[in-house]
C-alpha atoms as a PDB file:
ATOM      1  CA  MET A   1      78.218 102.412 123.586  1.00  0.00           C
ATOM      2  CA  GLY A   2      79.844 104.548 126.249  1.00  0.00           C
ATOM      3  CA  GLU A   3      82.657 106.910 127.125  1.00  0.00           C
ATOM      4  CA  LEU A   4      84.337 104.644 129.647  1.00  0.00           C
ATOM      5  CA  ASN A   5      84.845 101.478 127.611  1.00  0.00           C
ATOM      6  CA  VAL A   6      88.240 102.413 126.192  1.00  0.00           C
ATOM      7  CA  PRO A   7      90.581  99.441 126.656  1.00  0.00           C
ATOM      8  CA  GLN A   8      94.193 100.095 127.558  1.00  0.00           C
ATOM      9  CA  ALA A   9      96.786  99.349 124.879  1.00  0.00           C
ATOM     10  CA  ARG A  10     100.356 100.534 124.337  1.00  0.00           C
ATOM     11  CA  ILE A  11     100.190 100.171 120.532  1.00  0.00           C
ATOM     12  CA  GLY A  12      97.764 101.574 117.975  1.00  0.00           C
ATOM     13  CA  SER A  13      97.002 100.243 114.501  1.00  0.00           C
ATOM     14  CA  ILE A  14      95.172 102.433 111.988  1.00  0.00           C
ATOM     15  CA  GLY A  15      94.094 100.362 109.033  1.00  0.00           C
ATOM     16  CA  GLY A  16      93.737 101.973 105.628  1.00  0.00           C
ATOM     17  CA  SER A  17      93.043 101.003 102.046  1.00  0.00           C
ATOM     18  CA  GLY A  18      96.216  98.922 102.008  1.00  0.00           C
ATOM     19  CA  THR A  19      94.440  96.383 104.213  1.00  0.00           C
ATOM     20  CA  TRP A  20      90.726  97.101 103.674  1.00  0.00           C
ATOM     21  CA  GLY A  21      90.360  94.075 101.383  1.00  0.00           C
ATOM     22  CA  ALA A  22      90.875  91.579 104.237  1.00  0.00           C
ATOM     23  CA  ARG A  23      89.961  91.027 107.867  1.00  0.00           C
ATOM     24  CA  PHE A  24      92.863  92.056 110.077  1.00  0.00           C
ATOM     25  CA  PRO A  25      94.101  89.898 111.718  1.00  0.00           C
ATOM     26  CA  GLU A  26      91.623  87.036 111.195  1.00  0.00           C
ATOM     27  CA  ASP A  27      92.582  86.357 107.556  1.00  0.00           C
ATOM     28  CA  PHE A  28      96.353  86.344 108.111  1.00  0.00           C
ATOM     29  CA  GLY A  29      96.859  83.132 110.045  1.00  0.00           C
ATOM     30  CA  ARG A  30      99.736  84.520 112.080  1.00  0.00           C
ATOM     31  CA  PRO A  31     100.198  82.672 115.391  1.00  0.00           C
ATOM     32  CA  GLU A  32     101.883  85.742 116.929  1.00  0.00           C
ATOM     33  CA  VAL A  33      98.660  87.720 116.480  1.00  0.00           C
ATOM     34  CA  ARG A  34      95.262  87.058 117.984  1.00  0.00           C
ATOM     35  CA  LEU A  35      91.967  88.873 118.322  1.00  0.00           C
ATOM     36  CA  LEU A  36      91.064  89.489 121.960  1.00  0.00           C
ATOM     37  CA  GLU A  37      87.712  91.201 121.545  1.00  0.00           C
ATOM     38  CA  TYR A  38      85.529  93.413 119.395  1.00  0.00           C
ATOM     39  CA  ILE A  39      84.978  96.885 120.851  1.00  0.00           C
ATOM     40  CA  GLU A  40      81.644  98.619 120.332  1.00  0.00           C
ATOM     41  CA  PRO A  41      81.679 102.207 118.998  1.00  0.00           C
ATOM     42  CA  ILE A  42      82.873 104.635 121.655  1.00  0.00           C
ATOM     43  CA  VAL A  43      81.295 107.958 122.578  1.00  0.00           C
ATOM     44  CA  THR A  44      84.014 110.622 122.256  1.00  0.00           C
ATOM     45  CA  PRO A  45      83.906 114.428 122.555  1.00  0.00           C
ATOM     46  CA  HIS A  46      83.919 114.391 118.742  1.00  0.00           C
ATOM     47  CA  GLY A  47      80.989 112.052 118.258  1.00  0.00           C
ATOM     48  CA  VAL A  48      80.530 108.300 118.268  1.00  0.00           C
ATOM     49  CA  SER A  49      83.459 106.388 116.776  1.00  0.00           C
ATOM     50  CA  CYS A  50      83.666 103.378 114.502  1.00  0.00           C
ATOM     51  CA  PRO A  51      83.896  99.873 116.038  1.00  0.00           C
ATOM     52  CA  LEU A  52      87.379  98.779 117.094  1.00  0.00           C
ATOM     53  CA  LYS A  53      89.275  95.581 117.744  1.00  0.00           C
ATOM     54  CA  LEU A  54      91.585  94.771 120.623  1.00  0.00           C
ATOM     55  CA  LEU A  55      94.428  92.527 119.468  1.00  0.00           C
ATOM     56  CA  GLU A  56      97.431  90.849 121.016  1.00  0.00           C
ATOM     57  CA  VAL A  57     100.607  91.016 118.925  1.00  0.00           C
ATOM     58  CA  GLY A  58     103.785  89.456 120.286  1.00  0.00           C
ATOM     59  CA  GLY A  59     102.306  89.571 123.774  1.00  0.00           C
ATOM     60  CA  GLU A  60     101.380  93.279 123.568  1.00  0.00           C
ATOM     61  CA  ARG A  61      97.876  94.745 123.405  1.00  0.00           C
ATOM     62  CA  VAL A  62      97.109  96.601 120.165  1.00  0.00           C
ATOM     63  CA  LEU A  63      94.057  98.794 119.566  1.00  0.00           C
ATOM     64  CA  ARG A  64      92.953  98.578 115.934  1.00  0.00           C
ATOM     65  CA  VAL A  65      90.588 100.626 113.761  1.00  0.00           C
ATOM     66  CA  ALA A  66      89.807  99.838 110.131  1.00  0.00           C
ATOM     67  CA  MET A  67      90.031 102.335 107.258  1.00  0.00           C
ATOM     68  CA  HIS A  68      91.168 105.355 109.289  1.00  0.00           C
ATOM     69  CA  GLY A  69      88.114 105.069 111.525  1.00  0.00           C
ATOM     70  CA  TRP A  70      85.728 105.980 108.687  1.00  0.00           C
ATOM     71  CA  HIS A  71      82.060 105.321 109.327  1.00  0.00           C
ATOM     72  CA  ARG A  72      78.584 106.754 108.764  1.00  0.00           C
ATOM     73  CA  VAL A  73      76.011 108.236 111.096  1.00  0.00           C
ATOM     74  CA  ASP A  74      72.515 106.752 111.378  1.00  0.00           C
ATOM     75  CA  THR A  75      71.251 108.844 108.459  1.00  0.00           C
ATOM     76  CA  GLY A  76      73.852 107.246 106.188  1.00  0.00           C
ATOM     77  CA  GLU A  77      75.962 110.388 105.892  1.00  0.00           C
ATOM     78  CA  PRO A  78      79.714 109.780 106.141  1.00  0.00           C
ATOM     79  CA  VAL A  79      81.521 111.287 109.100  1.00  0.00           C
ATOM     80  CA  PRO A  80      84.196 113.708 107.777  1.00  0.00           C
ATOM     81  CA  THR A  81      87.622 112.109 107.651  1.00  0.00           C
ATOM     82  CA  TRP A  82      89.163 114.782 109.925  1.00  0.00           C
ATOM     83  CA  THR A  83      86.454 114.081 112.524  1.00  0.00           C
ATOM     84  CA  CYS A  84      87.232 110.360 112.312  1.00  0.00           C
ATOM     85  CA  ALA A  85      90.902 111.212 112.865  1.00  0.00           C
ATOM     86  CA  LEU A  86      89.961 113.218 115.974  1.00  0.00           C
ATOM     87  CA  GLN A  87      87.876 110.330 117.308  1.00  0.00           C
ATOM     88  CA  VAL A  88      90.692 107.833 116.795  1.00  0.00           C
ATOM     89  CA  ALA A  89      93.275 110.183 118.335  1.00  0.00           C
ATOM     90  CA  TRP A  90      91.075 110.792 121.390  1.00  0.00           C
ATOM     91  CA  ILE A  91      90.573 107.050 121.867  1.00  0.00           C
ATOM     92  CA  PHE A  92      94.318 106.417 121.524  1.00  0.00           C
ATOM     93  CA  GLN A  93      94.954 109.136 124.115  1.00  0.00           C
ATOM     94  CA  GLU A  94      92.533 107.532 126.568  1.00  0.00           C
ATOM     95  CA  ALA A  95      93.945 104.065 125.868  1.00  0.00           C
ATOM     96  CA  GLY A  96      97.512 105.134 126.655  1.00  0.00           C
ATOM     97  CA  VAL A  97      98.853 104.390 123.166  1.00  0.00           C
ATOM     98  CA  GLU A  98     102.579 105.146 122.894  1.00  0.00           C
ATOM     99  CA  TRP A  99     103.193 104.310 119.231  1.00  0.00           C
ATOM    100  CA  ALA A 100     101.061 103.587 116.202  1.00  0.00           C
ATOM    101  CA  LEU A 101     101.323 102.412 112.607  1.00  0.00           C
ATOM    102  CA  VAL A 102      99.034 103.307 109.702  1.00  0.00           C
ATOM    103  CA  ASP A 103      98.726 101.909 106.190  1.00  0.00           C
ATOM    104  CA  GLY A 104      97.247 103.392 103.048  1.00  0.00           C
ATOM    105  CA  SER A 105      97.100 103.102  99.295  1.00  0.00           C
ATOM    106  CA  VAL A 106      98.190 106.113  97.271  1.00  0.00           C
ATOM    107  CA  GLY A 107      98.730 107.519  93.803  1.00  0.00           C
ATOM    108  CA  GLY A 108     102.339 107.410  92.639  1.00  0.00           C
ATOM    109  CA  ILE A 109     103.799 110.743  91.480  1.00  0.00           C
ATOM    110  CA  GLN A 110     107.562 110.162  91.259  1.00  0.00           C
ATOM    111  CA  GLN A 111     110.260 108.090  92.874  1.00  0.00           C
ATOM    112  CA  PRO A 112     112.009 109.580  95.882  1.00  0.00           C
ATOM    113  CA  ASP A 113     115.564 110.717  95.094  1.00  0.00           C
ATOM    114  CA  VAL A 114     115.201 109.982  91.343  1.00  0.00           C
ATOM    115  CA  SER A 115     113.979 113.117  89.614  1.00  0.00           C
ATOM    116  CA  GLY A 116     111.040 112.410  87.323  1.00  0.00           C
ATOM    117  CA  ALA A 117     111.217 108.595  87.471  1.00  0.00           C
ATOM    118  CA  LEU A 118     107.803 106.931  87.577  1.00  0.00           C
ATOM    119  CA  LEU A 119     106.552 105.435  90.824  1.00  0.00           C
ATOM    120  CA  ALA A 120     104.697 102.333  89.721  1.00  0.00           C
ATOM    121  CA  PRO A 121     101.948 100.307  91.372  1.00  0.00           C
ATOM    122  CA  TRP A 122     103.249  97.909  94.035  1.00  0.00           C
ATOM    123  CA  SER A 123     105.878 100.429  95.097  1.00  0.00           C
ATOM    124  CA  VAL A 124     105.870 101.041  98.844  1.00  0.00           C
ATOM    125  CA  VAL A 125     106.874 104.383 100.345  1.00  0.00           C
ATOM    126  CA  ILE A 126     107.650 104.743 104.053  1.00  0.00           C
ATOM    127  CA  THR A 127     106.984 108.453 104.445  1.00  0.00           C
ATOM    128  CA  ASP A 128     109.140 110.928 106.331  1.00  0.00           C
ATOM    129  CA  ASP A 129     107.148 114.089 105.542  1.00  0.00           C
ATOM    130  CA  PHE A 130     103.816 115.333 104.229  1.00  0.00           C
ATOM    131  CA  ILE A 131     102.119 118.361 102.678  1.00  0.00           C
ATOM    132  CA  GLN A 132      98.568 119.306 103.667  1.00  0.00           C
ATOM    133  CA  TYR A 133      97.245 120.605 100.341  1.00  0.00           C
ATOM    134  CA  TRP A 134      93.839 121.320 101.862  1.00  0.00           C
ATOM    135  CA  VAL A 135      92.725 122.029 105.414  1.00  0.00           C
ATOM    136  CA  PRO A 136      89.052 121.757 106.473  1.00  0.00           C
ATOM    137  CA  ALA A 137      87.359 124.932 107.673  1.00  0.00           C
ATOM    138  CA  SER A 138      86.645 123.373 111.086  1.00  0.00           C
ATOM    139  CA  PRO A 139      89.056 120.494 111.703  1.00  0.00           C
ATOM    140  CA  GLY A 140      88.330 120.494 115.445  1.00  0.00           C
ATOM    141  CA  ARG A 141      90.602 120.165 118.460  1.00  0.00           C
ATOM    142  CA  LEU A 142      91.457 117.272 120.710  1.00  0.00           C
ATOM    143  CA  GLY A 143      90.358 119.033 123.896  1.00  0.00           C
ATOM    144  CA  VAL A 144      91.712 120.491 127.093  1.00  0.00           C
ATOM    145  CA  ARG A 145      94.885 118.431 126.949  1.00  0.00           C
ATOM    146  CA  ASP A 146      95.865 119.869 123.578  1.00  0.00           C
ATOM    147  CA  ARG A 147      99.412 120.942 122.989  1.00  0.00           C
ATOM    148  CA  LEU A 148      98.819 123.732 120.496  1.00  0.00           C
ATOM    149  CA  PHE A 149     101.109 124.487 117.579  1.00  0.00           C
ATOM    150  CA  PRO A 150     103.234 121.327 117.725  1.00  0.00           C
ATOM    151  CA  ARG A 151     106.308 121.405 115.530  1.00  0.00           C
ATOM    152  CA  MET A 152     105.923 119.183 112.483  1.00  0.00           C
ATOM    153  CA  ARG A 153     109.566 118.667 111.643  1.00  0.00           C
ATOM    154  CA  GLU A 154     110.046 114.913 111.264  1.00  0.00           C
ATOM    155  CA  PRO A 155     106.298 114.186 111.640  1.00  0.00           C
ATOM    156  CA  PHE A 156     106.955 110.452 111.275  1.00  0.00           C
ATOM    157  CA  CYS A 157     109.064 108.603 113.818  1.00  0.00           C
ATOM    158  CA  THR A 158     112.520 107.756 112.487  1.00  0.00           C
ATOM    159  CA  GLY A 159     112.702 104.598 114.584  1.00  0.00           C
ATOM    160  CA  LEU A 160     109.356 103.254 113.381  1.00  0.00           C
ATOM    161  CA  ARG A 161     110.295 104.140 109.812  1.00  0.00           C
ATOM    162  CA  ARG A 162     113.385 101.930 110.069  1.00  0.00           C
ATOM    163  CA  HIS A 163     111.262  99.013 111.295  1.00  0.00           C
ATOM    164  CA  LEU A 164     108.714  99.523 108.501  1.00  0.00           C
ATOM    165  CA  VAL A 165     111.397  99.683 105.805  1.00  0.00           C
ATOM    166  CA  ALA A 166     112.997  96.476 107.051  1.00  0.00           C
ATOM    167  CA  ALA A 167     109.670  94.649 107.301  1.00  0.00           C
ATOM    168  CA  ALA A 168     108.363  95.836 103.926  1.00  0.00           C
ATOM    169  CA  SER A 169     111.642  94.874 102.250  1.00  0.00           C
ATOM    170  CA  ARG A 170     110.990  91.244 103.182  1.00  0.00           C
ATOM    171  CA  GLN A 171     107.880  91.207 100.964  1.00  0.00           C
ATOM    172  CA  GLU A 172     108.965  89.982  97.520  1.00  0.00           C
ATOM    173  CA  ARG A 173     106.474  91.957  95.465  1.00  0.00           C
ATOM    174  CA  PHE A 174     107.308  95.357  96.950  1.00  0.00           C
ATOM    175  CA  SER A 175     109.767  97.928  95.658  1.00  0.00           C
ATOM    176  CA  VAL A 176     110.447  99.787  98.898  1.00  0.00           C
ATOM    177  CA  PHE A 177     111.456 103.431  99.231  1.00  0.00           C
ATOM    178  CA  ASP A 178     112.806 104.737 102.523  1.00  0.00           C
ATOM    179  CA  ARG A 179     111.503 108.316 102.840  1.00  0.00           C
ATOM    180  CA  GLY A 180     108.983 110.131 100.734  1.00  0.00           C
ATOM    181  CA  VAL A 181     106.616 113.106 100.801  1.00  0.00           C
ATOM    182  CA  TYR A 182     102.857 112.450 100.959  1.00  0.00           C
ATOM    183  CA  VAL A 183     100.436 115.137  99.743  1.00  0.00           C
ATOM    184  CA  CYS A 184      97.053 115.069 101.483  1.00  0.00           C
ATOM    185  CA  THR A 185      94.218 116.313  99.235  1.00  0.00           C
ATOM    186  CA  PRO A 186      90.445 116.780  99.748  1.00  0.00           C
ATOM    187  CA  LEU A 187      88.216 113.765 100.028  1.00  0.00           C
ATOM    188  CA  GLY A 188      85.471 113.358  97.443  1.00  0.00           C
ATOM    189  CA  ARG A 189      87.380 113.545  94.164  1.00  0.00           C
ATOM    190  CA  PHE A 190      90.746 112.598  92.748  1.00  0.00           C
ATOM    191  CA  GLU A 191      93.319 115.151  91.641  1.00  0.00           C
ATOM    192  CA  THR A 192      93.604 116.784  88.223  1.00  0.00           C
ATOM    193  CA  ALA A 193      96.658 116.261  86.023  1.00  0.00           C
ATOM    194  CA  ALA A 194      97.571 119.933  86.539  1.00  0.00           C
ATOM    195  CA  GLU A 195      97.432 119.512  90.320  1.00  0.00           C
ATOM    196  CA  ILE A 196      99.697 116.479  90.118  1.00  0.00           C
ATOM    197  CA  ARG A 197     102.221 118.420  88.004  1.00  0.00           C
ATOM    198  CA  MET A 198     102.163 121.145  90.658  1.00  0.00           C
ATOM    199  CA  MET A 199     102.736 118.593  93.434  1.00  0.00           C
ATOM    200  CA  ALA A 200     105.617 117.024  91.537  1.00  0.00           C
ATOM    201  CA  GLY A 201     107.194 120.469  91.433  1.00  0.00           C
ATOM    202  CA  TRP A 202     106.831 120.680  95.206  1.00  0.00           C
ATOM    203  CA  GLY A 203     108.900 117.514  95.544  1.00  0.00           C
ATOM    204  CA  ALA A 204     105.944 115.264  96.384  1.00  0.00           C
ATOM    205  CA  HIS A 205     106.178 111.520  95.746  1.00  0.00           C
ATOM    206  CA  ILE A 206     102.726 110.141  96.578  1.00  0.00           C
ATOM    207  CA  VAL A 207      99.201 111.509  96.985  1.00  0.00           C
ATOM    208  CA  GLY A 208      96.365 110.423  99.282  1.00  0.00           C
ATOM    209  CA  GLN A 209      93.532 111.834 101.376  1.00  0.00           C
ATOM    210  CA  THR A 210      94.008 110.871 105.031  1.00  0.00           C
ATOM    211  CA  LEU A 211      97.529 111.074 106.439  1.00  0.00           C
ATOM    212  CA  GLY A 212      97.635 114.863 106.793  1.00  0.00           C
ATOM    213  CA  HIS A 213      94.740 114.708 109.259  1.00  0.00           C
ATOM    214  CA  GLU A 214      96.278 111.973 111.418  1.00  0.00           C
ATOM    215  CA  ALA A 215      99.943 112.930 111.704  1.00  0.00           C
ATOM    216  CA  PRO A 216      99.461 116.310 113.474  1.00  0.00           C
ATOM    217  CA  LEU A 217      97.163 114.712 116.061  1.00  0.00           C
ATOM    218  CA  MET A 218      99.665 111.952 116.784  1.00  0.00           C
ATOM    219  CA  ARG A 219     102.375 114.591 117.258  1.00  0.00           C
ATOM    220  CA  GLN A 220     100.131 116.613 119.609  1.00  0.00           C
ATOM    221  CA  LEU A 221      99.666 113.530 121.753  1.00  0.00           C
ATOM    222  CA  GLY A 222     103.327 112.539 121.715  1.00  0.00           C
ATOM    223  CA  ILE A 223     102.524 109.247 119.965  1.00  0.00           C
ATOM    224  CA  HIS A 224     105.329 107.884 117.803  1.00  0.00           C
ATOM    225  CA  PHE A 225     103.803 107.451 114.342  1.00  0.00           C
ATOM    226  CA  GLY A 226     104.869 105.436 111.289  1.00  0.00           C
ATOM    227  CA  SER A 227     103.209 105.164 107.870  1.00  0.00           C
ATOM    228  CA  LEU A 228     103.396 102.494 105.145  1.00  0.00           C
ATOM    229  CA  ASN A 229     101.906 103.483 101.781  1.00  0.00           C
ATOM    230  CA  ILE A 230     101.440 101.162  98.814  1.00  0.00           C
ATOM    231  CA  VAL A 231     101.028 102.668  95.347  1.00  0.00           C
ATOM    232  CA  SER A 232      97.777 101.411  93.814  1.00  0.00           C
ATOM    233  CA  ASN A 233      97.828 103.541  90.666  1.00  0.00           C
ATOM    234  CA  TYR A 234      99.813 106.197  88.856  1.00  0.00           C
ATOM    235  CA  ALA A 235      98.750 109.713  89.864  1.00  0.00           C
ATOM    236  CA  GLU A 236      96.579 111.438  87.277  1.00  0.00           C
ATOM    237  CA  GLY A 237      98.266 112.418  84.005  1.00  0.00           C
ATOM    238  CA  ILE A 238     101.537 110.551  84.629  1.00  0.00           C
ATOM    239  CA  ALA A 239     100.771 107.221  82.933  1.00  0.00           C
ATOM    240  CA  ALA A 240      97.808 104.896  82.505  1.00  0.00           C
ATOM    241  CA  TRP A 241      95.992 105.298  85.816  1.00  0.00           C
ATOM    242  CA  VAL A 242      96.048 101.573  86.639  1.00  0.00           C
ATOM    243  CA  SER A 243      99.030  99.549  85.452  1.00  0.00           C
ATOM    244  CA  ASP A 244      97.158  97.486  82.847  1.00  0.00           C
ATOM    245  CA  ASP A 245      93.866  99.455  82.569  1.00  0.00           C
ATOM    246  CA  ALA A 246      91.990  96.144  82.473  1.00  0.00           C
ATOM    247  CA  PRO A 247      88.404  96.151  83.773  1.00  0.00           C
ATOM    248  CA  GLY A 248      88.479  95.211  87.430  1.00  0.00           C
ATOM    249  CA  ALA A 249      92.230  95.712  87.768  1.00  0.00           C
ATOM    250  CA  MET A 250      91.887  98.083  90.708  1.00  0.00           C
ATOM    251  CA  ALA A 251      89.490  95.769  92.543  1.00  0.00           C
ATOM    252  CA  GLU A 252      91.888  92.870  91.993  1.00  0.00           C
ATOM    253  CA  PHE A 253      94.737  94.978  93.364  1.00  0.00           C
ATOM    254  CA  TYR A 254      92.777  95.608  96.557  1.00  0.00           C
ATOM    255  CA  ARG A 255      92.000  91.906  96.912  1.00  0.00           C
ATOM    256  CA  THR A 256      95.696  91.055  96.548  1.00  0.00           C
ATOM    257  CA  CYS A 257      97.581  93.768  98.425  1.00  0.00           C
ATOM    258  CA  PRO A 258      96.285  93.219 101.990  1.00  0.00           C
ATOM    259  CA  MET A 259      98.353  90.079 102.566  1.00  0.00           C
ATOM    260  CA  PRO A 260     101.801  91.584 101.918  1.00  0.00           C
ATOM    261  CA  VAL A 261     100.830  94.934 103.454  1.00  0.00           C
ATOM    262  CA  GLY A 262      99.330  93.328 106.554  1.00  0.00           C
ATOM    263  CA  ASN A 263     102.228  90.931 107.001  1.00  0.00           C
ATOM    264  CA  ALA A 264     104.700  93.802 106.715  1.00  0.00           C
ATOM    265  CA  LEU A 265     102.795  95.705 109.389  1.00  0.00           C
ATOM    266  CA  ILE A 266     102.732  92.684 111.695  1.00  0.00           C
ATOM    267  CA  ASP A 267     106.457  92.106 111.169  1.00  0.00           C
ATOM    268  CA  ALA A 268     107.196  95.773 111.915  1.00  0.00           C
ATOM    269  CA  MET A 269     105.137  95.583 115.099  1.00  0.00           C
ATOM    270  CA  LEU A 270     106.933  92.421 116.218  1.00  0.00           C
ATOM    271  CA  ASP A 271     110.343  93.935 115.452  1.00  0.00           C
ATOM    272  CA  THR A 272     109.482  97.088 117.384  1.00  0.00           C
ATOM    273  CA  ILE A 273     108.120  95.120 120.344  1.00  0.00           C
ATOM    274  CA  ALA A 274     111.246  92.949 120.425  1.00  0.00           C
ATOM    275  CA  THR A 275     113.903  95.642 120.036  1.00  0.00           C
ATOM    276  CA  GLY A 276     112.214  98.945 120.870  1.00  0.00           C
ATOM    277  CA  ILE A 277     111.486 101.966 118.691  1.00  0.00           C
ATOM    278  CA  GLY A 278     115.107 103.045 118.497  1.00  0.00           C
ATOM    279  CA  GLU A 279     116.532 106.527 118.166  1.00  0.00           C
ATOM    280  CA  CYS A 280     114.185 109.272 117.024  1.00  0.00           C
ATOM    281  CA  HIS A 281     113.465 112.970 117.567  1.00  0.00           C
ATOM    282  CA  CYS A 282     109.727 112.787 118.251  1.00  0.00           C
ATOM    283  CA  ALA A 283     110.024 114.199 121.776  1.00  0.00           C
ATOM    284  CA  ASP A 284     112.230 117.061 120.578  1.00  0.00           C
ATOM    285  CA  TYR A 285     109.582 118.352 118.171  1.00  0.00           C
ATOM    286  CA  ARG A 286     106.450 117.837 120.250  1.00  0.00           C
ATOM    287  CA  MET A 287     106.588 121.162 122.092  1.00  0.00           C
ATOM    288  CA  PRO A 288     106.524 124.522 120.328  1.00  0.00           C
ATOM    289  CA  GLY A 289     108.757 126.386 122.805  1.00  0.00           C
ATOM    290  CA  MET A 290     106.616 129.528 122.537  1.00  0.00           C
ATOM    291  CA  GLY A 291     105.874 129.924 126.228  1.00  0.00           C
ATOM    292  CA  ALA A 292     102.522 131.036 127.694  1.00  0.00           C
ATOM    293  CA  PHE A 293     101.244 134.152 125.910  1.00  0.00           C
ATOM    294  CA  PRO A 294      99.654 136.612 125.953  1.00  0.00           C
ATOM    295  CA  VAL A 295     100.584 137.741 129.456  1.00  0.00           C
ATOM    296  CA  GLU A 296      97.805 138.815 131.768  1.00  0.00           C
ATOM    297  CA  GLY A 297      96.571 142.291 130.934  1.00  0.00           C
ATOM    298  CA  ALA A 298      98.263 142.426 127.537  1.00  0.00           C
END
């Protein structure tokens, strides 16, 4: 392990629970994708990271972490998810990543643009906004190159969202929704039915526990960021939690969903590599425009 073994890559891939049931990319059999090397955990200013993979997708180098970079320290204690997000962001910064995609599985609250309609398992939402329902007491900072107080209007890249929608729509089992609001809640428990009713009133569509930590860091770094979220269960209190409530249904879902999710991500990467990100406003909202204050002697 060491600080200087960060490989250069223009593209980042943050795996989540949408793909945690398979090896990415080894289990996908896609000739356009190959594993170049395994990367040992990297020493960052925020602690030692998870292992990584360096991939080649469509001729481009892609730096990949599994499950949002989650891992445990030697004592067996899990590293907090916001610390993992800092580690991944720092590594992406050092690697020269310009754009990145993330996947996740989420609870379905309601369909975007259809008031009150259920959002069933196997729906896919390509988010355009998020709500951070809970912020850790000490989330940490990226370091001396921070851009403080980045604007979070359009936190997800419009161009990458278009590529993700198109790629996900080619997967037969998905019902794809372009745009949606993700609520990020505390890790360690699922939400109460009352909390879900509150979130529905906010206009939220899906609920998870990671994206709110990652998106602000990607914006600080000027990395174009896109997110694909597959609904694994109804959010609490809306309907039967899992679609059929059969024993093992959730485990079977996670064995089945990686193939369509992973293939959609690969297709979106290939489309973006071939045609470019496209029009977006990421650069417009990176800087806060506040100036340098306070002035000396204030």
